[in-house]
Amino acid sequence: MTFHPIVSRAAWLGWCLLAVALVSPRTSWAQATYGEIRVQAVASGEEISAQPDLWVCEVYFKPMRLIAVDVTNPKTGRKESKFVWYTVYRAINRPLIAPKADNPPVNEFDPPVLPPRFIPEFTLVTVDGDEPRVYHDVVIPEALAAINRREGRNYASSVGVVADVPAAVKSGSPDEKFLYGVAMFTDVDPDADLYTVFMTGFSNGMKVCKSPDGTPVVLHKMIEVRYWRPGDRFSQQEPEIRLDTRDAKARKPRSTVNVDALDGCDLNQADTDEPVRWTYR
């Protein structure tokens, strides 16, 4: 099989079962060791009761980084220097405690036919400017090699990391087995200041709502990470990329789906100053 130097995940994963994400009302996140951010595996009692096969990963990731890499242009065959934005992560399935409920809500989904699969997907959106720009993570072998050399670990691309979801294990268990991956983006608008990254595939839950015209809408749980970069296109530097921890008065509203117009969904996801959270999208 021939691989192009830059491969769209949509092209590679069109044949895969898509992992979807359940949504959670709030996020527990904290700075972890080695410069990582820890996002706890959290789910509400309602979510657990509604979906008995629910799984949620605990995720550790490093904030967005920047590396310059010589990448082969698939059209010309020539090397071009590109800035690659990337974030490395590790994920592990954690057990959830199911509360007792007299009349638990039930999602009307067919039971799974195949074992659950871990298929992460990352989307970067610039949220300032006249129109938002959307970037999907790509597979860049030359950048992957450079990133692994820099990070000192063998991270897999968003295609290579695809695997069966491991059994849930408690923290500190000798059976802990993390999945290590990296998401990469190229040609990100250097004039943008505000960026949001949506990390999908770290849970399998979902909720169905109805749009105003009665059409069913499926919302998935994903991790949302908000960044800002107070720089310009002339001197792009990694330290300029920061988690957007500013208060609400200092930033623009999140780029978001208008979930208020959906019937039957109590999403309980008021905008907060938290730069990292589980959310419905």
C-alpha atoms as a PDB file:
ATOM      1  CA  MET A   1       0.000   0.000   0.000  1.00  0.00           C
ATOM      2  CA  THR A   2       1.288   3.470  -0.873  1.00  0.00           C
ATOM      3  CA  PHE A   3       1.076   6.200   1.748  1.00  0.00           C
ATOM      4  CA  HIS A   4       1.030   9.894   0.963  1.00  0.00           C
ATOM      5  CA  PRO A   5       3.142  12.062   3.272  1.00  0.00           C
ATOM      6  CA  ILE A   6       0.024  13.927   4.479  1.00  0.00           C
ATOM      7  CA  VAL A   7      -3.087  11.794   4.847  1.00  0.00           C
ATOM      8  CA  SER A   8      -6.565  12.972   5.795  1.00  0.00           C
ATOM      9  CA  ARG A   9      -8.053  10.952   8.641  1.00  0.00           C
ATOM     10  CA  ALA A  10     -11.391  11.032   6.877  1.00  0.00           C
ATOM     11  CA  ALA A  11      -9.832   9.130   3.972  1.00  0.00           C
ATOM     12  CA  TRP A  12      -8.140   6.591   6.228  1.00  0.00           C
ATOM     13  CA  LEU A  13     -10.973   5.971   8.661  1.00  0.00           C
ATOM     14  CA  GLY A  14     -13.940   5.946   6.321  1.00  0.00           C
ATOM     15  CA  TRP A  15     -14.145   2.171   6.758  1.00  0.00           C
ATOM     16  CA  CYS A  16     -13.811   2.202  10.533  1.00  0.00           C
ATOM     17  CA  LEU A  17     -16.551   2.079  13.101  1.00  0.00           C
ATOM     18  CA  LEU A  18     -16.665   5.581  14.462  1.00  0.00           C
ATOM     19  CA  ALA A  19     -16.322   5.904  18.198  1.00  0.00           C
ATOM     20  CA  VAL A  20     -18.707   8.456  19.628  1.00  0.00           C
ATOM     21  CA  ALA A  21     -18.557  10.334  22.872  1.00  0.00           C
ATOM     22  CA  LEU A  22     -20.906  10.691  25.778  1.00  0.00           C
ATOM     23  CA  VAL A  23     -21.280  14.041  27.297  1.00  0.00           C
ATOM     24  CA  SER A  24     -20.712  14.981  30.837  1.00  0.00           C
ATOM     25  CA  PRO A  25     -21.930  18.004  32.736  1.00  0.00           C
ATOM     26  CA  ARG A  26     -18.580  19.133  34.092  1.00  0.00           C
ATOM     27  CA  THR A  27     -14.870  18.499  33.791  1.00  0.00           C
ATOM     28  CA  SER A  28     -12.336  17.668  36.459  1.00  0.00           C
ATOM     29  CA  TRP A  29      -8.941  18.640  35.127  1.00  0.00           C
ATOM     30  CA  ALA A  30      -5.637  19.504  36.721  1.00  0.00           C
ATOM     31  CA  GLN A  31      -1.974  19.994  35.920  1.00  0.00           C
ATOM     32  CA  ALA A  32      -0.255  16.611  36.107  1.00  0.00           C
ATOM     33  CA  THR A  33       3.409  15.624  35.982  1.00  0.00           C
ATOM     34  CA  TYR A  34       5.751  16.005  32.988  1.00  0.00           C
ATOM     35  CA  GLY A  35       3.850  19.075  31.771  1.00  0.00           C
ATOM     36  CA  GLU A  36       0.671  17.078  31.204  1.00  0.00           C
ATOM     37  CA  ILE A  37      -2.931  18.102  31.783  1.00  0.00           C
ATOM     38  CA  ARG A  38      -5.076  15.407  33.390  1.00  0.00           C
ATOM     39  CA  VAL A  39      -8.750  15.119  32.419  1.00  0.00           C
ATOM     40  CA  GLN A  40     -10.563  12.753  34.764  1.00  0.00           C
ATOM     41  CA  ALA A  41     -12.987  10.093  33.566  1.00  0.00           C
ATOM     42  CA  VAL A  42     -16.261  11.595  34.768  1.00  0.00           C
ATOM     43  CA  ALA A  43     -19.911  10.882  34.023  1.00  0.00           C
ATOM     44  CA  SER A  44     -23.117  11.790  35.792  1.00  0.00           C
ATOM     45  CA  GLY A  45     -25.404   9.250  37.400  1.00  0.00           C
ATOM     46  CA  GLU A  46     -27.989   9.987  34.718  1.00  0.00           C
ATOM     47  CA  GLU A  47     -25.520   9.189  31.959  1.00  0.00           C
ATOM     48  CA  ILE A  48     -24.430   5.927  33.559  1.00  0.00           C
ATOM     49  CA  SER A  49     -28.006   4.830  34.198  1.00  0.00           C
ATOM     50  CA  ALA A  50     -29.069   5.684  30.655  1.00  0.00           C
ATOM     51  CA  GLN A  51     -26.241   3.725  29.033  1.00  0.00           C
ATOM     52  CA  PRO A  52     -25.116   0.553  30.815  1.00  0.00           C
ATOM     53  CA  ASP A  53     -22.224  -0.030  28.378  1.00  0.00           C
ATOM     54  CA  LEU A  54     -20.811   3.458  28.918  1.00  0.00           C
ATOM     55  CA  TRP A  55     -17.031   3.834  29.040  1.00  0.00           C
ATOM     56  CA  VAL A  56     -14.994   6.992  29.632  1.00  0.00           C
ATOM     57  CA  CYS A  57     -11.243   7.419  29.420  1.00  0.00           C
ATOM     58  CA  GLU A  58      -8.991   9.326  31.743  1.00  0.00           C
ATOM     59  CA  VAL A  59      -6.784  11.432  29.489  1.00  0.00           C
ATOM     60  CA  TYR A  60      -3.395  13.044  30.007  1.00  0.00           C
ATOM     61  CA  PHE A  61      -2.236  15.441  27.311  1.00  0.00           C
ATOM     62  CA  LYS A  62       0.429  18.065  26.804  1.00  0.00           C
ATOM     63  CA  PRO A  63      -0.820  21.493  25.711  1.00  0.00           C
ATOM     64  CA  MET A  64      -0.442  22.308  22.035  1.00  0.00           C
ATOM     65  CA  ARG A  65       3.138  22.404  20.779  1.00  0.00           C
ATOM     66  CA  LEU A  66       4.794  23.623  17.581  1.00  0.00           C
ATOM     67  CA  ILE A  67       7.568  22.083  15.518  1.00  0.00           C
ATOM     68  CA  ALA A  68       9.075  22.989  12.132  1.00  0.00           C
ATOM     69  CA  VAL A  69       9.456  19.941   9.865  1.00  0.00           C
ATOM     70  CA  ASP A  70      10.593  19.399   6.281  1.00  0.00           C
ATOM     71  CA  VAL A  71       7.607  17.644   4.712  1.00  0.00           C
ATOM     72  CA  THR A  72       7.366  16.170   1.225  1.00  0.00           C
ATOM     73  CA  ASN A  73       4.776  17.885  -0.954  1.00  0.00           C
ATOM     74  CA  PRO A  74       2.724  15.033  -2.479  1.00  0.00           C
ATOM     75  CA  LYS A  75       2.079  17.085  -5.633  1.00  0.00           C
ATOM     76  CA  THR A  76       5.642  18.172  -6.396  1.00  0.00           C
ATOM     77  CA  GLY A  77       7.697  15.613  -4.485  1.00  0.00           C
ATOM     78  CA  ARG A  78       9.798  18.420  -3.057  1.00  0.00           C
ATOM     79  CA  LYS A  79      10.570  19.101   0.581  1.00  0.00           C
ATOM     80  CA  GLU A  80       8.811  22.054   2.179  1.00  0.00           C
ATOM     81  CA  SER A  81       9.317  23.443   5.655  1.00  0.00           C
ATOM     82  CA  LYS A  82       6.044  23.503   7.554  1.00  0.00           C
ATOM     83  CA  PHE A  83       4.961  24.390  11.038  1.00  0.00           C
ATOM     84  CA  VAL A  84       3.166  21.395  12.535  1.00  0.00           C
ATOM     85  CA  TRP A  85       0.918  21.979  15.520  1.00  0.00           C
ATOM     86  CA  TYR A  86       0.616  18.886  17.668  1.00  0.00           C
ATOM     87  CA  THR A  87      -0.560  17.561  21.000  1.00  0.00           C
ATOM     88  CA  VAL A  88       0.580  14.266  22.515  1.00  0.00           C
ATOM     89  CA  TYR A  89      -1.636  12.311  24.877  1.00  0.00           C
ATOM     90  CA  ARG A  90      -2.158   9.056  26.740  1.00  0.00           C
ATOM     91  CA  ALA A  91      -5.535   7.595  27.594  1.00  0.00           C
ATOM     92  CA  ILE A  92      -6.811   4.777  29.764  1.00  0.00           C
ATOM     93  CA  ASN A  93     -10.283   3.369  30.427  1.00  0.00           C
ATOM     94  CA  ARG A  94     -11.437   3.913  34.020  1.00  0.00           C
ATOM     95  CA  PRO A  95     -14.286   2.189  35.909  1.00  0.00           C
ATOM     96  CA  LEU A  96     -17.458   4.183  36.522  1.00  0.00           C
ATOM     97  CA  ILE A  97     -19.653   3.761  39.587  1.00  0.00           C
ATOM     98  CA  ALA A  98     -23.283   3.262  38.605  1.00  0.00           C
ATOM     99  CA  PRO A  99     -25.735   4.830  41.096  1.00  0.00           C
ATOM    100  CA  LYS A 100     -29.058   3.272  41.966  1.00  0.00           C
ATOM    101  CA  ALA A 101     -32.089   4.860  40.300  1.00  0.00           C
ATOM    102  CA  ASP A 102     -35.803   4.002  40.487  1.00  0.00           C
ATOM    103  CA  ASN A 103     -36.633   5.240  36.986  1.00  0.00           C
ATOM    104  CA  PRO A 104     -33.366   5.678  35.100  1.00  0.00           C
ATOM    105  CA  PRO A 105     -33.474   7.391  31.692  1.00  0.00           C
ATOM    106  CA  VAL A 106     -32.717   5.149  28.742  1.00  0.00           C
ATOM    107  CA  ASN A 107     -31.068   6.085  25.458  1.00  0.00           C
ATOM    108  CA  GLU A 108     -32.900   4.496  22.553  1.00  0.00           C
ATOM    109  CA  PHE A 109     -29.882   3.065  20.765  1.00  0.00           C
ATOM    110  CA  ASP A 110     -29.353  -0.410  19.387  1.00  0.00           C
ATOM    111  CA  PRO A 111     -26.950  -2.523  21.459  1.00  0.00           C
ATOM    112  CA  PRO A 112     -23.372  -2.620  20.118  1.00  0.00           C
ATOM    113  CA  VAL A 113     -22.651  -5.394  17.630  1.00  0.00           C
ATOM    114  CA  LEU A 114     -18.854  -5.318  17.865  1.00  0.00           C
ATOM    115  CA  PRO A 115     -16.468  -4.700  20.768  1.00  0.00           C
ATOM    116  CA  PRO A 116     -15.865  -0.986  21.410  1.00  0.00           C
ATOM    117  CA  ARG A 117     -13.003   0.596  19.527  1.00  0.00           C
ATOM    118  CA  PHE A 118     -10.749   3.462  20.511  1.00  0.00           C
ATOM    119  CA  ILE A 119     -10.737   5.791  17.485  1.00  0.00           C
ATOM    120  CA  PRO A 120      -9.688   9.297  18.546  1.00  0.00           C
ATOM    121  CA  GLU A 121     -10.395  12.269  16.346  1.00  0.00           C
ATOM    122  CA  PHE A 122      -9.179  15.833  16.835  1.00  0.00           C
ATOM    123  CA  THR A 123     -10.559  19.022  15.312  1.00  0.00           C
ATOM    124  CA  LEU A 124      -8.938  22.454  15.685  1.00  0.00           C
ATOM    125  CA  VAL A 125     -11.151  25.495  15.104  1.00  0.00           C
ATOM    126  CA  THR A 126     -10.024  29.121  14.961  1.00  0.00           C
ATOM    127  CA  VAL A 127     -12.732  31.077  16.755  1.00  0.00           C
ATOM    128  CA  ASP A 128     -11.763  34.657  15.933  1.00  0.00           C
ATOM    129  CA  GLY A 129     -11.823  36.394  12.579  1.00  0.00           C
ATOM    130  CA  ASP A 130     -14.747  36.791  10.213  1.00  0.00           C
ATOM    131  CA  GLU A 131     -15.290  33.066   9.735  1.00  0.00           C
ATOM    132  CA  PRO A 132     -14.122  30.118  11.853  1.00  0.00           C
ATOM    133  CA  ARG A 133     -11.625  27.830  10.160  1.00  0.00           C
ATOM    134  CA  VAL A 134     -11.686  24.093  10.791  1.00  0.00           C
ATOM    135  CA  TYR A 135      -8.627  21.821  10.705  1.00  0.00           C
ATOM    136  CA  HIS A 136      -8.730  18.042  11.113  1.00  0.00           C
ATOM    137  CA  ASP A 137      -5.774  16.080  12.407  1.00  0.00           C
ATOM    138  CA  VAL A 138      -3.635  14.544   9.683  1.00  0.00           C
ATOM    139  CA  VAL A 139      -1.085  11.757   9.427  1.00  0.00           C
ATOM    140  CA  ILE A 140       2.367  13.126   8.580  1.00  0.00           C
ATOM    141  CA  PRO A 141       5.034  10.398   8.857  1.00  0.00           C
ATOM    142  CA  GLU A 142       7.960  12.841   8.675  1.00  0.00           C
ATOM    143  CA  ALA A 143       6.486  14.990  11.435  1.00  0.00           C
ATOM    144  CA  LEU A 144       5.607  11.915  13.521  1.00  0.00           C
ATOM    145  CA  ALA A 145       9.238  10.796  13.493  1.00  0.00           C
ATOM    146  CA  ALA A 146      10.451  14.276  14.473  1.00  0.00           C
ATOM    147  CA  ILE A 147       7.858  14.533  17.261  1.00  0.00           C
ATOM    148  CA  ASN A 148       8.814  11.146  18.689  1.00  0.00           C
ATOM    149  CA  ARG A 149      12.472  12.109  18.704  1.00  0.00           C
ATOM    150  CA  ARG A 150      11.648  15.334  20.489  1.00  0.00           C
ATOM    151  CA  GLU A 151       9.264  13.784  23.029  1.00  0.00           C
ATOM    152  CA  GLY A 152      11.385  10.698  23.667  1.00  0.00           C
ATOM    153  CA  ARG A 153       8.490   8.269  23.271  1.00  0.00           C
ATOM    154  CA  ASN A 154       6.895   6.294  20.459  1.00  0.00           C
ATOM    155  CA  TYR A 155       3.540   8.025  20.018  1.00  0.00           C
ATOM    156  CA  ALA A 156       1.185   6.651  17.390  1.00  0.00           C
ATOM    157  CA  SER A 157      -0.687   8.717  14.825  1.00  0.00           C
ATOM    158  CA  SER A 158      -4.461   9.005  15.014  1.00  0.00           C
ATOM    159  CA  VAL A 159      -4.622   6.037  12.652  1.00  0.00           C
ATOM    160  CA  GLY A 160      -1.934   3.909  14.279  1.00  0.00           C
ATOM    161  CA  VAL A 161      -3.395   4.301  17.772  1.00  0.00           C
ATOM    162  CA  VAL A 162      -6.754   2.739  16.811  1.00  0.00           C
ATOM    163  CA  ALA A 163      -7.373  -0.330  18.976  1.00  0.00           C
ATOM    164  CA  ASP A 164      -9.937  -2.186  21.045  1.00  0.00           C
ATOM    165  CA  VAL A 165     -10.911  -0.257  24.167  1.00  0.00           C
ATOM    166  CA  PRO A 166      -9.019  -1.907  27.052  1.00  0.00           C
ATOM    167  CA  ALA A 167     -10.940  -3.136  30.067  1.00  0.00           C
ATOM    168  CA  ALA A 168     -11.472  -0.456  32.712  1.00  0.00           C
ATOM    169  CA  VAL A 169      -8.827  -0.494  35.450  1.00  0.00           C
ATOM    170  CA  LYS A 170      -8.410   1.496  38.645  1.00  0.00           C
ATOM    171  CA  SER A 171      -5.579   3.970  39.063  1.00  0.00           C
ATOM    172  CA  GLY A 172      -2.416   2.288  40.306  1.00  0.00           C
ATOM    173  CA  SER A 173      -3.460  -1.165  39.145  1.00  0.00           C
ATOM    174  CA  PRO A 174      -0.652  -3.372  37.772  1.00  0.00           C
ATOM    175  CA  ASP A 175      -2.908  -3.947  34.750  1.00  0.00           C
ATOM    176  CA  GLU A 176      -2.827  -0.296  33.680  1.00  0.00           C
ATOM    177  CA  LYS A 177      -2.176  -0.013  29.962  1.00  0.00           C
ATOM    178  CA  PHE A 178      -2.200   3.458  28.422  1.00  0.00           C
ATOM    179  CA  LEU A 179      -2.796   4.201  24.759  1.00  0.00           C
ATOM    180  CA  TYR A 180      -0.248   6.755  23.502  1.00  0.00           C
ATOM    181  CA  GLY A 181      -1.053   8.987  20.539  1.00  0.00           C
ATOM    182  CA  VAL A 182      -0.447  12.327  18.874  1.00  0.00           C
ATOM    183  CA  ALA A 183      -2.682  14.626  16.837  1.00  0.00           C
ATOM    184  CA  MET A 184      -1.086  16.832  14.174  1.00  0.00           C
ATOM    185  CA  PHE A 185      -2.310  19.878  12.262  1.00  0.00           C
ATOM    186  CA  THR A 186      -0.767  21.855   9.401  1.00  0.00           C
ATOM    187  CA  ASP A 187      -1.430  25.187   7.699  1.00  0.00           C
ATOM    188  CA  VAL A 188      -3.096  26.617  10.805  1.00  0.00           C
ATOM    189  CA  ASP A 189      -3.982  30.279  10.300  1.00  0.00           C
ATOM    190  CA  PRO A 190      -0.998  32.210  11.736  1.00  0.00           C
ATOM    191  CA  ASP A 191      -3.087  35.376  12.083  1.00  0.00           C
ATOM    192  CA  ALA A 192      -5.621  33.781  14.429  1.00  0.00           C
ATOM    193  CA  ASP A 193      -5.363  34.368  18.159  1.00  0.00           C
ATOM    194  CA  LEU A 194      -8.039  32.041  19.527  1.00  0.00           C
ATOM    195  CA  TYR A 195      -8.188  28.290  18.970  1.00  0.00           C
ATOM    196  CA  THR A 196     -10.431  25.523  20.282  1.00  0.00           C
ATOM    197  CA  VAL A 197      -9.536  21.836  19.992  1.00  0.00           C
ATOM    198  CA  PHE A 198     -12.254  19.180  20.212  1.00  0.00           C
ATOM    199  CA  MET A 199     -11.021  15.715  21.217  1.00  0.00           C
ATOM    200  CA  THR A 200     -13.519  13.007  20.271  1.00  0.00           C
ATOM    201  CA  GLY A 201     -13.464   9.242  20.770  1.00  0.00           C
ATOM    202  CA  PHE A 202     -12.458   9.129  24.435  1.00  0.00           C
ATOM    203  CA  SER A 203     -15.915   7.882  25.464  1.00  0.00           C
ATOM    204  CA  ASN A 204     -18.760   6.028  23.775  1.00  0.00           C
ATOM    205  CA  GLY A 205     -21.789   7.752  25.254  1.00  0.00           C
ATOM    206  CA  MET A 206     -24.333   9.793  23.370  1.00  0.00           C
ATOM    207  CA  LYS A 207     -27.581  11.631  23.861  1.00  0.00           C
ATOM    208  CA  VAL A 208     -30.405  12.203  21.381  1.00  0.00           C
ATOM    209  CA  CYS A 209     -32.197  15.553  21.266  1.00  0.00           C
ATOM    210  CA  LYS A 210     -34.711  17.054  18.864  1.00  0.00           C
ATOM    211  CA  SER A 211     -34.185  20.145  16.767  1.00  0.00           C
ATOM    212  CA  PRO A 212     -36.996  22.715  16.452  1.00  0.00           C
ATOM    213  CA  ASP A 213     -38.298  20.929  13.334  1.00  0.00           C
ATOM    214  CA  GLY A 214     -38.403  17.592  15.187  1.00  0.00           C
ATOM    215  CA  THR A 215     -35.343  16.083  13.527  1.00  0.00           C
ATOM    216  CA  PRO A 216     -33.333  13.879  15.915  1.00  0.00           C
ATOM    217  CA  VAL A 217     -29.873  15.223  16.704  1.00  0.00           C
ATOM    218  CA  VAL A 218     -27.209  13.010  18.278  1.00  0.00           C
ATOM    219  CA  LEU A 219     -24.770  14.785  20.575  1.00  0.00           C
ATOM    220  CA  HIS A 220     -21.467  13.203  21.549  1.00  0.00           C
ATOM    221  CA  LYS A 221     -19.199  13.683  24.525  1.00  0.00           C
ATOM    222  CA  MET A 222     -15.815  15.152  23.794  1.00  0.00           C
ATOM    223  CA  ILE A 223     -13.069  17.081  25.493  1.00  0.00           C
ATOM    224  CA  GLU A 224     -12.893  20.762  24.606  1.00  0.00           C
ATOM    225  CA  VAL A 225      -9.604  22.626  25.049  1.00  0.00           C
ATOM    226  CA  ARG A 226      -9.380  26.369  24.555  1.00  0.00           C
ATOM    227  CA  TYR A 227      -6.121  28.122  23.593  1.00  0.00           C
ATOM    228  CA  TRP A 228      -5.001  31.623  22.764  1.00  0.00           C
ATOM    229  CA  ARG A 229      -1.862  32.781  20.983  1.00  0.00           C
ATOM    230  CA  PRO A 230      -1.063  36.490  21.236  1.00  0.00           C
ATOM    231  CA  GLY A 231       1.427  36.443  18.346  1.00  0.00           C
ATOM    232  CA  ASP A 232       1.592  36.998  14.596  1.00  0.00           C
ATOM    233  CA  ARG A 233       2.589  35.182  11.410  1.00  0.00           C
ATOM    234  CA  PHE A 234       6.104  36.685  11.275  1.00  0.00           C
ATOM    235  CA  SER A 235       7.588  35.004  14.330  1.00  0.00           C
ATOM    236  CA  GLN A 236       5.643  31.896  15.289  1.00  0.00           C
ATOM    237  CA  GLN A 237       6.898  30.584  18.620  1.00  0.00           C
ATOM    238  CA  GLU A 238       5.651  27.656  20.685  1.00  0.00           C
ATOM    239  CA  PRO A 239       5.576  29.567  24.026  1.00  0.00           C
ATOM    240  CA  GLU A 240       2.962  31.878  22.487  1.00  0.00           C
ATOM    241  CA  ILE A 241       0.398  29.037  22.509  1.00  0.00           C
ATOM    242  CA  ARG A 242      -1.303  29.074  25.897  1.00  0.00           C
ATOM    243  CA  LEU A 243      -4.329  27.568  27.583  1.00  0.00           C
ATOM    244  CA  ASP A 244      -6.953  30.304  27.616  1.00  0.00           C
ATOM    245  CA  THR A 245      -7.388  30.735  31.350  1.00  0.00           C
ATOM    246  CA  ARG A 246      -8.500  34.349  31.059  1.00  0.00           C
ATOM    247  CA  ASP A 247     -11.821  35.321  32.594  1.00  0.00           C
ATOM    248  CA  ALA A 248     -14.963  35.663  30.478  1.00  0.00           C
ATOM    249  CA  LYS A 249     -14.567  39.429  30.056  1.00  0.00           C
ATOM    250  CA  ALA A 250     -11.177  39.009  28.387  1.00  0.00           C
ATOM    251  CA  ARG A 251     -12.185  36.506  25.736  1.00  0.00           C
ATOM    252  CA  LYS A 252     -14.801  35.884  23.112  1.00  0.00           C
ATOM    253  CA  PRO A 253     -17.577  33.307  23.559  1.00  0.00           C
ATOM    254  CA  ARG A 254     -16.804  29.720  22.670  1.00  0.00           C
ATOM    255  CA  SER A 255     -17.549  28.474  19.187  1.00  0.00           C
ATOM    256  CA  THR A 256     -20.474  26.225  19.967  1.00  0.00           C
ATOM    257  CA  VAL A 257     -23.561  24.432  18.711  1.00  0.00           C
ATOM    258  CA  ASN A 258     -26.777  26.191  19.697  1.00  0.00           C
ATOM    259  CA  VAL A 259     -27.859  23.448  22.076  1.00  0.00           C
ATOM    260  CA  ASP A 260     -30.395  25.737  23.734  1.00  0.00           C
ATOM    261  CA  ALA A 261     -32.661  25.186  20.743  1.00  0.00           C
ATOM    262  CA  LEU A 262     -32.682  21.419  21.181  1.00  0.00           C
ATOM    263  CA  ASP A 263     -35.601  19.784  22.977  1.00  0.00           C
ATOM    264  CA  GLY A 264     -35.134  17.053  25.558  1.00  0.00           C
ATOM    265  CA  CYS A 265     -31.528  17.851  26.416  1.00  0.00           C
ATOM    266  CA  ASP A 266     -30.601  19.192  29.812  1.00  0.00           C
ATOM    267  CA  LEU A 267     -26.940  19.668  28.954  1.00  0.00           C
ATOM    268  CA  ASN A 268     -26.029  21.666  32.045  1.00  0.00           C
ATOM    269  CA  GLN A 269     -22.989  23.091  30.297  1.00  0.00           C
ATOM    270  CA  ALA A 270     -23.007  26.800  31.025  1.00  0.00           C
ATOM    271  CA  ASP A 271     -19.950  28.586  29.678  1.00  0.00           C
ATOM    272  CA  THR A 272     -17.220  28.796  32.294  1.00  0.00           C
ATOM    273  CA  ASP A 273     -13.702  30.112  32.578  1.00  0.00           C
ATOM    274  CA  GLU A 274     -12.322  26.565  32.497  1.00  0.00           C
ATOM    275  CA  PRO A 275     -10.079  26.052  29.452  1.00  0.00           C
ATOM    276  CA  VAL A 276     -10.562  22.264  29.538  1.00  0.00           C
ATOM    277  CA  ARG A 277     -13.884  20.459  29.936  1.00  0.00           C
ATOM    278  CA  TRP A 278     -16.090  17.595  28.802  1.00  0.00           C
ATOM    279  CA  THR A 279     -18.862  18.941  26.582  1.00  0.00           C
ATOM    280  CA  TYR A 280     -21.750  17.967  24.292  1.00  0.00           C
ATOM    281  CA  ARG A 281     -21.308  18.573  20.555  1.00  0.00           C
END
